Amino acid sequence: MRKVTAVLGFAALACGCASSPSAVPRLPSAATPATVIPRAFPVAPLNAPAGVFPNVSTTEPTGIRERYITATVTLTTGATLGGLYNRKNETWVQIAYPGAQSTAAYGPRRIEGGYLVAAAASSAAGHAFLYNSATGKFGTIDVANAVSTTAYGIWGDGKTVAIAGGYTDKKGRHAYVRTLGGNHFLTYDYPRAALTHFEGITGAGGPGDYNVAGDYTKPRDKAVYGFFMHIQNWKPWPPIVIGKLTANSVDVRDVVGVYNPGGGVSGFITTLPVQDPPFSDR
């Protein structure tokens, strides 16, 4: 669902989010895993300042991890820069890949000596990559038999690393979560959607337990809808629809993305409620 103009290539990248409310509401149990929970949630704008990003036009939050949020900042020239926001001290840092016309930043996984970053490149459309900032090397992580693959979220539990994104095959366009070792692979299609895509992933208790943020579109509807979903022991729970917006990344239950207030473009952040288990998951 994202348009990428360059691959990330930097060693100091992280993500985060605004503080959560002290009391998180709970949603009632859903009858089946296929149940969709419609509900509108308040969102707060999150935009890069012109003082750090001269000629800034729009801000697209793309990754969230602990107290940091990454973003792709589009300038009035059409070029993009990576942005890093520290919610604790409310400061922004500009990230630009040396020699690149545009840079896009996505959420990483900390590793020894640097970060493991999920990335995509316009010069190699249709392929997903992992970039290791410690070694400076890229590795392709395409889904087998897919026409195209994207990877926008990454999470690690010890030695188990999970990747989230989307892929296209002869049957359609799907969301996925997979382990790098290939031991587990989950495909997800939002009910009756024309397209489904995971944009971000965070841990939720251990390998196989995750929270994901994603987008979907409906047949004959150009609008994009953002959603949050919990995965327990590799089983998807009912998705929670956030609204007509793009949900780009998630940390615990905090989601960042882009929406269009009053016809404009703005980043946002919101916190999702806790769900009761919809089924016996163990």
Protein backbone atom coordinates (compact mmCIF):
# COMPACT_ATOMS: atom_id res chain seq x y z
CA MET A 1 0.00 0.00 0.00
CA ARG A 2 3.04 2.26 0.27
CA LYS A 3 4.96 3.93 -2.53
CA VAL A 4 8.71 3.64 -2.04
CA THR A 5 11.34 5.64 -3.89
CA ALA A 6 14.56 4.45 -2.27
CA VAL A 7 16.02 1.80 0.00
CA LEU A 8 17.04 2.63 3.53
CA GLY A 9 20.73 2.51 4.27
CA PHE A 10 21.59 3.71 7.75
CA ALA A 11 22.70 2.23 11.02
CA ALA A 12 20.77 4.23 13.61
CA LEU A 13 17.03 3.77 13.13
CA ALA A 14 14.31 3.06 15.67
CA CYS A 15 10.59 3.62 16.34
CA GLY A 16 8.00 4.54 19.10
CA CYS A 17 4.69 6.18 20.01
CA ALA A 18 2.63 8.55 22.16
CA SER A 19 1.75 7.54 25.69
CA SER A 20 -1.20 5.18 26.18
CA PRO A 21 -4.20 6.01 28.37
CA SER A 22 -4.05 4.73 31.92
CA ALA A 23 -7.21 2.67 31.51
CA VAL A 24 -7.53 0.76 28.24
CA PRO A 25 -11.13 -0.15 27.28
CA ARG A 26 -12.06 -3.73 26.54
CA LEU A 27 -14.17 -4.99 23.66
CA PRO A 28 -16.68 -7.82 24.08
CA SER A 29 -15.81 -11.29 22.86
CA ALA A 30 -16.39 -11.95 19.18
CA ALA A 31 -18.41 -14.99 18.12
CA THR A 32 -16.02 -16.26 15.46
CA PRO A 33 -12.55 -15.40 14.11
CA ALA A 34 -14.18 -14.03 10.95
CA THR A 35 -16.16 -11.40 12.89
CA VAL A 36 -15.19 -7.81 12.08
CA ILE A 37 -15.46 -5.26 14.88
CA PRO A 38 -16.46 -1.85 13.45
CA ARG A 39 -15.67 1.16 15.61
CA ALA A 40 -14.35 4.69 15.22
CA PHE A 41 -11.32 5.74 17.29
CA PRO A 42 -9.95 9.23 17.97
CA VAL A 43 -6.60 9.99 16.34
CA ALA A 44 -4.03 12.72 17.00
CA PRO A 45 -1.99 14.40 14.21
CA LEU A 46 1.73 13.66 13.97
CA ASN A 47 3.69 15.73 11.43
CA ALA A 48 7.36 16.59 10.83
CA PRO A 49 8.24 20.26 11.53
CA ALA A 50 9.46 22.62 8.81
CA GLY A 51 12.33 23.66 11.09
CA VAL A 52 13.91 20.21 10.69
CA PHE A 53 12.47 19.39 7.25
CA PRO A 54 12.47 22.56 5.08
CA ASN A 55 9.81 22.46 2.34
CA VAL A 56 7.94 19.63 4.06
CA SER A 57 4.65 18.74 2.36
CA THR A 58 3.35 15.59 4.05
CA THR A 59 4.40 13.14 6.78
CA GLU A 60 3.73 9.40 6.67
CA PRO A 61 4.54 7.56 9.93
CA THR A 62 5.87 4.16 8.90
CA GLY A 63 7.32 2.47 11.99
CA ILE A 64 6.81 2.47 15.74
CA ARG A 65 8.95 0.79 18.37
CA GLU A 66 9.06 1.78 22.03
CA ARG A 67 9.57 5.57 22.21
CA TYR A 68 10.56 6.09 18.58
CA ILE A 69 8.51 6.62 15.42
CA THR A 70 9.95 6.52 11.91
CA ALA A 71 8.36 8.40 9.03
CA THR A 72 8.75 9.09 5.34
CA VAL A 73 8.57 12.85 4.83
CA THR A 74 7.61 14.12 1.37
CA LEU A 75 8.93 17.54 0.31
CA THR A 76 7.30 20.03 -2.05
CA THR A 77 9.87 18.95 -4.66
CA GLY A 78 8.45 15.42 -4.60
CA ALA A 79 11.58 13.94 -2.99
CA THR A 80 11.34 12.09 0.33
CA LEU A 81 13.43 11.97 3.50
CA GLY A 82 13.41 9.56 6.40
CA GLY A 83 12.39 10.98 9.75
CA LEU A 84 12.94 9.79 13.32
CA TYR A 85 10.68 11.15 16.10
CA ASN A 86 11.50 10.72 19.79
CA ARG A 87 8.21 10.97 21.67
CA LYS A 88 9.95 11.29 25.04
CA ASN A 89 11.68 14.58 24.25
CA GLU A 90 9.44 15.41 21.23
CA THR A 91 12.33 15.91 18.80
CA TRP A 92 12.73 15.01 15.11
CA VAL A 93 15.89 13.90 13.28
CA GLN A 94 16.30 13.95 9.50
CA ILE A 95 17.56 10.75 7.84
CA ALA A 96 18.93 10.86 4.28
CA TYR A 97 20.71 8.04 2.48
CA PRO A 98 24.03 9.40 1.06
CA GLY A 99 23.72 10.16 -2.63
CA ALA A 100 20.07 9.10 -2.88
CA GLN A 101 17.40 11.43 -4.25
CA SER A 102 14.86 9.99 -1.83
CA THR A 103 14.92 7.95 1.38
CA ALA A 104 12.08 5.98 2.99
CA ALA A 105 12.33 4.79 6.60
CA TYR A 106 10.58 1.72 8.04
CA GLY A 107 10.56 0.04 11.44
CA PRO A 108 13.66 -2.04 12.34
CA ARG A 109 14.69 -4.82 14.66
CA ARG A 110 17.73 -4.15 16.84
CA ILE A 111 20.59 -6.60 16.35
CA GLU A 112 24.17 -6.70 17.58
CA GLY A 113 26.03 -3.79 16.03
CA GLY A 114 23.02 -2.20 14.33
CA TYR A 115 19.55 -2.87 12.95
CA LEU A 116 17.78 -5.31 10.67
CA VAL A 117 15.47 -3.27 8.43
CA ALA A 118 12.59 -4.39 6.20
CA ALA A 119 12.78 -2.42 2.96
CA ALA A 120 11.61 -2.05 -0.63
CA ALA A 121 13.10 -0.28 -3.63
CA SER A 122 11.57 1.29 -6.72
CA SER A 123 14.62 0.15 -8.69
CA ALA A 124 13.77 -3.47 -7.86
CA ALA A 125 9.98 -3.39 -7.88
CA GLY A 126 8.24 -6.57 -6.81
CA HIS A 127 10.95 -7.74 -4.39
CA ALA A 128 11.22 -7.50 -0.60
CA PHE A 129 14.52 -7.05 1.20
CA LEU A 130 16.16 -7.16 4.59
CA TYR A 131 18.98 -4.71 5.13
CA ASN A 132 21.59 -5.47 7.80
CA SER A 133 23.12 -2.20 8.92
CA ALA A 134 25.94 -4.05 10.72
CA THR A 135 27.17 -5.70 7.51
CA GLY A 136 25.78 -3.24 4.96
CA LYS A 137 24.27 -6.11 2.96
CA PHE A 138 20.79 -6.72 1.53
CA GLY A 139 18.99 -10.06 1.31
CA THR A 140 15.90 -10.89 -0.76
CA ILE A 141 12.95 -12.36 1.16
CA ASP A 142 10.32 -12.93 -1.54
CA VAL A 143 7.31 -15.20 -0.94
CA ALA A 144 7.61 -18.41 -2.96
CA ASN A 145 5.61 -18.44 -6.22
CA ALA A 146 4.51 -14.82 -5.71
CA VAL A 147 4.42 -12.31 -8.54
CA SER A 148 5.50 -9.57 -6.12
CA THR A 149 6.34 -9.31 -2.41
CA THR A 150 6.60 -6.43 0.07
CA ALA A 151 7.99 -6.42 3.62
CA TYR A 152 7.18 -3.47 5.90
CA GLY A 153 7.27 -4.89 9.43
CA ILE A 154 9.81 -6.89 11.38
CA TRP A 155 9.80 -8.32 14.91
CA GLY A 156 12.15 -10.58 16.82
CA ASP A 157 11.63 -12.88 19.82
CA GLY A 158 15.07 -14.14 20.66
CA LYS A 159 16.33 -15.94 17.56
CA THR A 160 12.84 -16.05 15.98
CA VAL A 161 12.39 -13.17 13.52
CA ALA A 162 8.95 -12.51 11.98
CA ILE A 163 8.31 -10.45 8.85
CA ALA A 164 4.96 -8.88 7.89
CA GLY A 165 3.87 -7.50 4.53
CA GLY A 166 1.92 -8.48 1.45
CA TYR A 167 2.24 -10.54 -1.71
CA THR A 168 0.44 -11.04 -5.00
CA ASP A 169 -0.19 -14.40 -6.65
CA LYS A 170 -2.67 -15.83 -9.16
CA LYS A 171 -5.43 -15.84 -6.52
CA GLY A 172 -5.13 -12.19 -5.46
CA ARG A 173 -3.31 -9.80 -3.13
CA HIS A 174 -2.84 -11.03 0.42
CA ALA A 175 -1.31 -10.10 3.78
CA TYR A 176 1.24 -12.38 5.42
CA VAL A 177 3.37 -12.99 8.50
CA ARG A 178 6.29 -15.37 8.20
CA THR A 179 9.37 -16.43 10.10
CA LEU A 180 12.72 -15.99 8.42
CA GLY A 181 13.50 -19.65 8.92
CA GLY A 182 10.38 -20.56 6.97
CA ASN A 183 8.89 -22.71 9.77
CA HIS A 184 5.68 -20.68 9.92
CA PHE A 185 3.72 -18.77 7.29
CA LEU A 186 0.31 -17.12 7.84
CA THR A 187 -1.73 -15.74 4.94
CA TYR A 188 -4.63 -13.41 5.78
CA ASP A 189 -7.38 -11.92 3.61
CA TYR A 190 -9.77 -9.38 5.13
CA PRO A 191 -13.36 -10.63 4.61
CA ARG A 192 -14.64 -9.78 1.11
CA ALA A 193 -11.70 -7.43 0.46
CA ALA A 194 -10.11 -6.82 -2.93
CA LEU A 195 -6.67 -6.37 -1.32
CA THR A 196 -5.21 -6.97 2.14
CA HIS A 197 -1.77 -5.92 3.36
CA PHE A 198 0.04 -5.94 6.71
CA GLU A 199 2.05 -2.78 7.29
CA GLY A 200 3.51 -3.34 10.76
CA ILE A 201 4.05 -6.01 13.43
CA THR A 202 4.87 -6.08 17.13
CA GLY A 203 5.29 -8.84 19.69
CA ALA A 204 2.44 -9.97 21.94
CA GLY A 205 3.91 -12.59 24.25
CA GLY A 206 6.35 -14.76 22.33
CA PRO A 207 6.97 -16.46 18.97
CA GLY A 208 3.63 -16.90 17.15
CA ASP A 209 1.89 -14.19 19.18
CA TYR A 210 1.77 -10.80 17.42
CA ASN A 211 -0.19 -7.60 16.92
CA VAL A 212 -0.31 -6.35 13.33
CA ALA A 213 -1.52 -3.19 11.61
CA GLY A 214 -2.77 -3.41 8.06
CA ASP A 215 -4.89 -1.99 5.26
CA TYR A 216 -7.54 -3.34 2.94
CA THR A 217 -9.65 -2.14 0.03
CA LYS A 218 -13.13 -3.18 -1.05
CA PRO A 219 -14.20 -4.18 -4.55
CA ARG A 220 -15.37 -1.12 -6.53
CA ASP A 221 -14.25 1.18 -3.69
CA LYS A 222 -11.08 3.26 -4.03
CA ALA A 223 -10.90 4.03 -0.30
CA VAL A 224 -8.29 2.41 1.94
CA TYR A 225 -9.31 1.16 5.39
CA GLY A 226 -6.84 0.63 8.24
CA PHE A 227 -7.20 -2.15 10.80
CA PHE A 228 -5.52 -3.71 13.83
CA MET A 229 -5.40 -7.46 14.45
CA HIS A 230 -4.04 -9.78 17.11
CA ILE A 231 -2.48 -13.13 16.18
CA GLN A 232 -2.35 -15.81 18.88
CA ASN A 233 -0.36 -19.01 18.31
CA TRP A 234 -0.45 -18.23 14.56
CA LYS A 235 -4.27 -17.87 14.57
CA PRO A 236 -5.74 -14.48 13.54
CA TRP A 237 -8.28 -12.87 15.87
CA PRO A 238 -11.15 -10.69 14.56
CA PRO A 239 -9.74 -7.46 13.05
CA ILE A 240 -10.58 -4.08 14.57
CA VAL A 241 -11.27 -1.49 11.88
CA ILE A 242 -9.74 1.89 12.78
CA GLY A 243 -11.28 3.86 9.93
CA LYS A 244 -10.87 5.16 6.40
CA LEU A 245 -7.10 5.70 6.64
CA THR A 246 -3.81 3.80 6.31
CA ALA A 247 -2.46 1.99 9.38
CA ASN A 248 1.30 1.87 8.86
CA SER A 249 2.84 0.45 12.02
CA VAL A 250 2.09 -0.81 15.52
CA ASP A 251 3.84 -1.00 18.90
CA VAL A 252 1.96 -3.10 21.48
CA ARG A 253 -1.52 -1.55 20.86
CA ASP A 254 -0.44 1.87 19.58
CA VAL A 255 -0.92 2.39 15.84
CA VAL A 256 0.49 5.15 13.61
CA GLY A 257 -0.46 5.97 10.04
CA VAL A 258 -1.95 8.58 7.72
CA TYR A 259 -5.46 10.04 7.44
CA ASN A 260 -7.17 12.90 5.63
CA PRO A 261 -8.79 15.38 8.03
CA GLY A 262 -10.80 18.03 6.19
CA GLY A 263 -9.41 16.90 2.86
CA GLY A 264 -5.78 17.40 3.92
CA VAL A 265 -3.06 14.83 4.71
CA SER A 266 -1.84 14.17 8.26
CA GLY A 267 -0.04 11.50 10.23
CA PHE A 268 -1.90 10.06 13.22
CA ILE A 269 -1.45 7.95 16.34
CA THR A 270 -4.12 5.99 18.23
CA THR A 271 -4.35 3.31 20.93
CA LEU A 272 -6.54 0.23 20.40
CA PRO A 273 -8.55 -1.51 23.13
CA VAL A 274 -7.93 -4.96 24.56
CA GLN A 275 -10.05 -7.80 23.17
CA ASP A 276 -11.37 -10.87 24.96
CA PRO A 277 -10.26 -14.15 23.34
CA PRO A 278 -12.68 -15.13 20.53
CA PHE A 279 -11.77 -18.81 20.73
CA SER A 280 -9.59 -21.33 22.55
CA ASP A 281 -6.18 -20.49 21.16
CA ARG A 282 -3.92 -23.01 22.85
